[in-house]
Amino acid sequence: MKKPNLKQQYRVNEQIRGVREVRIVGDDIASSVVSISTALQIAEQKGVDLVEISPNAEPPVCRLIDYSKFIYQQKKHQKEIKAKQVKVDVKEIRFGPQTDDHDYNFKLKHAQGFLSDGDKVKAYVFFKGRSILFKEQGEVLLLRFAQDLEEYGKVESLPQLEGKRMIMFLAPKKQPGGAKKPQEAEEAVEAPVREKKAPQQKARKEYTGPKVEGENFDD
């Protein structure tokens, strides 16, 4: 739907009809109620326009200002409002009723990032087949998830079972300068990777003999 033109939203000068009196305001004039004819004369004397800004007031309020400047100010104000409006996306995090710690920490890290970026998180446990018998376990998992994220987000709705899904919504918390990912969460996710590399690094340190041609201990 096309938005109405700003110039069509305001009546100017002789377009202001059907009123006997108006309240005039301006940068260099005290607010006062005068007849519409007097208001038009004052606008002409000052070399500005009479712009009706509050038609529903009693009496209507008109501003003494250059109309082009007035439209520019209105457009600038609308842009500032639009810039302040933040689009909030909803990111989904899916669990199984028996999610292991590694997968849990991996998804926890992602949820922290989403909430830090200002997005909402829809966390849910999907029950497949007979796993619906573990719905209490799924609820405990989601509540643990909310507790681990309390620094980043607040619970908008507690876990609720909808069909084969138990769903919970988290909204981001406003934090000055943006939330930081805690070092503990980073280490929890990276620990399995370090453990996998550890045997290789240990082998490099313990081997002190000559390097045999064709063997590569860095692989």
Foldseek 3Di string as FASTA:
>chain_A
DDDDDPVVVKQKQPSDDDDQWEFEDEDPDDTDIDGSVVVSVVLVVVVFMWIFDAVPDVNTYTYNHHVVVVSVVVVVVVVVVVVPDDDAAEAEDEAELDDDQLSLLVSLQVCLVNLLVFYKYKYKYFQDDPSVVSVVSRLVSVVVSQVVCVVFWHWPDRFDDDPRMTITMTGGDDDPPTDDDDPVSVCSNCVVVCVVCVVLVVVVVPDDDDDDPPDDSVD
